[in-house]
Amino acid sequence: MSLDFRQSLTSQNLGDQRIYDVAKDAGFDPQIIIMEIVGTVRAKQIESQVLKMGKPVFFKRRFAGSSEFRHLSSEELEDVIEIIRAG
């Protein structure tokens, strides 16, 4: 099983708006599974870990955020959620 996962390092003041903006550019209708406030330093560490997981999604054209999409198995998604929760 493969799930598309969009992970984004987004400032708190943008809330979920960046997720919806990037998903629109990708042609996806996002479903937010988890959002946590973890602080800038930890957010960068989490993003680095998560972007090493799964398989990259390739698009016909590049756009802001296109390199952050991943195909994740159910198990990988569970691992990502745990990494974020441990934030």
C-alpha atoms as a PDB file:
ATOM      1  CA  MET A   1       0.000   0.000   0.000  1.00  0.00           C
ATOM      2  CA  SER A   2       1.312   3.440  -0.860  1.00  0.00           C
ATOM      3  CA  LEU A   3       0.198   6.775   0.544  1.00  0.00           C
ATOM      4  CA  ASP A   4       1.162  10.207  -0.654  1.00  0.00           C
ATOM      5  CA  PHE A   5       2.525  12.254   2.202  1.00  0.00           C
ATOM      6  CA  ARG A   6       3.187  15.958   2.136  1.00  0.00           C
ATOM      7  CA  GLN A   7       5.395  17.121   4.919  1.00  0.00           C
ATOM      8  CA  SER A   8       6.162  20.778   5.197  1.00  0.00           C
ATOM      9  CA  LEU A   9       8.234  22.958   7.426  1.00  0.00           C
ATOM     10  CA  THR A  10       5.804  25.839   7.752  1.00  0.00           C
ATOM     11  CA  SER A  11       5.833  28.799  10.063  1.00  0.00           C
ATOM     12  CA  GLN A  12       3.130  28.827  12.697  1.00  0.00           C
ATOM     13  CA  ASN A  13       1.532  32.014  11.343  1.00  0.00           C
ATOM     14  CA  LEU A  14       0.765  30.304   8.002  1.00  0.00           C
ATOM     15  CA  GLY A  15      -1.088  27.458   9.701  1.00  0.00           C
ATOM     16  CA  ASP A  16      -2.276  24.926   7.144  1.00  0.00           C
ATOM     17  CA  GLN A  17      -2.508  27.402   4.243  1.00  0.00           C
ATOM     18  CA  ARG A  18       0.864  26.414   2.718  1.00  0.00           C
ATOM     19  CA  ILE A  19      -0.227  22.765   2.706  1.00  0.00           C
ATOM     20  CA  TYR A  20      -3.348  23.639   0.719  1.00  0.00           C
ATOM     21  CA  ASP A  21      -1.437  25.958  -1.643  1.00  0.00           C
ATOM     22  CA  VAL A  22       1.253  23.373  -2.483  1.00  0.00           C
ATOM     23  CA  ALA A  23      -1.273  20.545  -2.775  1.00  0.00           C
ATOM     24  CA  LYS A  24      -3.273  22.645  -5.236  1.00  0.00           C
ATOM     25  CA  ASP A  25      -0.127  23.166  -7.359  1.00  0.00           C
ATOM     26  CA  ALA A  26       0.406  19.385  -7.284  1.00  0.00           C
ATOM     27  CA  GLY A  27      -3.187  18.593  -8.218  1.00  0.00           C
ATOM     28  CA  PHE A  28      -3.955  16.925  -4.882  1.00  0.00           C
ATOM     29  CA  ASP A  29      -6.732  17.405  -2.355  1.00  0.00           C
ATOM     30  CA  PRO A  30      -4.827  17.177   0.950  1.00  0.00           C
ATOM     31  CA  GLN A  31      -5.936  15.360   4.054  1.00  0.00           C
ATOM     32  CA  ILE A  32      -4.051  16.644   7.077  1.00  0.00           C
ATOM     33  CA  ILE A  33      -3.216  13.780   9.396  1.00  0.00           C
ATOM     34  CA  ILE A  34      -1.135  15.579  11.995  1.00  0.00           C
ATOM     35  CA  MET A  35       0.020  19.135  12.693  1.00  0.00           C
ATOM     36  CA  GLU A  36       2.263  19.914  15.638  1.00  0.00           C
ATOM     37  CA  ILE A  37       4.090  22.998  16.840  1.00  0.00           C
ATOM     38  CA  VAL A  38       7.635  21.787  17.512  1.00  0.00           C
ATOM     39  CA  GLY A  39       9.808  24.889  17.169  1.00  0.00           C
ATOM     40  CA  THR A  40      12.101  25.896  14.333  1.00  0.00           C
ATOM     41  CA  VAL A  41      15.171  23.830  15.244  1.00  0.00           C
ATOM     42  CA  ARG A  42      13.236  20.613  15.852  1.00  0.00           C
ATOM     43  CA  ALA A  43      11.085  21.205  12.757  1.00  0.00           C
ATOM     44  CA  LYS A  44      14.208  21.258  10.580  1.00  0.00           C
ATOM     45  CA  GLN A  45      15.435  18.042  12.215  1.00  0.00           C
ATOM     46  CA  ILE A  46      12.072  16.338  11.688  1.00  0.00           C
ATOM     47  CA  GLU A  47      11.910  17.476   8.072  1.00  0.00           C
ATOM     48  CA  SER A  48      15.399  16.104   7.441  1.00  0.00           C
ATOM     49  CA  GLN A  49      14.435  12.711   8.907  1.00  0.00           C
ATOM     50  CA  VAL A  50      11.115  12.468   7.083  1.00  0.00           C
ATOM     51  CA  LEU A  51      12.498  13.440   3.674  1.00  0.00           C
ATOM     52  CA  LYS A  52      14.798  10.390   3.876  1.00  0.00           C
ATOM     53  CA  MET A  53      11.761   8.118   4.157  1.00  0.00           C
ATOM     54  CA  GLY A  54       9.532   6.700   1.452  1.00  0.00           C
ATOM     55  CA  LYS A  55      10.035   7.347  -2.235  1.00  0.00           C
ATOM     56  CA  PRO A  56       9.979  10.802  -3.837  1.00  0.00           C
ATOM     57  CA  VAL A  57       6.974  11.745  -5.945  1.00  0.00           C
ATOM     58  CA  PHE A  58       8.030  13.062  -9.364  1.00  0.00           C
ATOM     59  CA  PHE A  59       6.046  15.738 -11.173  1.00  0.00           C
ATOM     60  CA  LYS A  60       6.145  16.819 -14.816  1.00  0.00           C
ATOM     61  CA  ARG A  61       7.046  20.322 -13.663  1.00  0.00           C
ATOM     62  CA  ARG A  62       8.776  21.691 -10.599  1.00  0.00           C
ATOM     63  CA  PHE A  63       6.986  24.070  -8.228  1.00  0.00           C
ATOM     64  CA  ALA A  64       7.576  25.384  -4.734  1.00  0.00           C
ATOM     65  CA  GLY A  65       7.344  22.359  -2.423  1.00  0.00           C
ATOM     66  CA  SER A  66       7.403  19.708  -5.174  1.00  0.00           C
ATOM     67  CA  SER A  67      10.512  18.023  -3.762  1.00  0.00           C
ATOM     68  CA  GLU A  68       8.811  17.416  -0.401  1.00  0.00           C
ATOM     69  CA  PHE A  69       6.183  14.913  -1.561  1.00  0.00           C
ATOM     70  CA  ARG A  70       6.746  11.244  -0.673  1.00  0.00           C
ATOM     71  CA  HIS A  71       5.039   7.913  -1.301  1.00  0.00           C
ATOM     72  CA  LEU A  72       4.898   6.156   2.069  1.00  0.00           C
ATOM     73  CA  SER A  73       3.767   2.702   3.085  1.00  0.00           C
ATOM     74  CA  SER A  74       1.312   2.478   5.967  1.00  0.00           C
ATOM     75  CA  GLU A  75       4.195   1.516   8.250  1.00  0.00           C
ATOM     76  CA  GLU A  76       6.312   4.452   7.092  1.00  0.00           C
ATOM     77  CA  LEU A  77       3.392   6.804   7.689  1.00  0.00           C
ATOM     78  CA  GLU A  78       3.059   5.480  11.239  1.00  0.00           C
ATOM     79  CA  ASP A  79       6.801   6.085  11.746  1.00  0.00           C
ATOM     80  CA  VAL A  80       6.475   9.653  10.448  1.00  0.00           C
ATOM     81  CA  ILE A  81       3.596  10.341  12.825  1.00  0.00           C
ATOM     82  CA  GLU A  82       5.645   9.019  15.750  1.00  0.00           C
ATOM     83  CA  ILE A  83       8.631  11.183  14.753  1.00  0.00           C
ATOM     84  CA  ILE A  84       6.397  14.263  14.633  1.00  0.00           C
ATOM     85  CA  ARG A  85       4.663  13.427  17.937  1.00  0.00           C
ATOM     86  CA  ALA A  86       8.042  12.960  19.633  1.00  0.00           C
ATOM     87  CA  GLY A  87       8.894  16.487  18.349  1.00  0.00           C
END
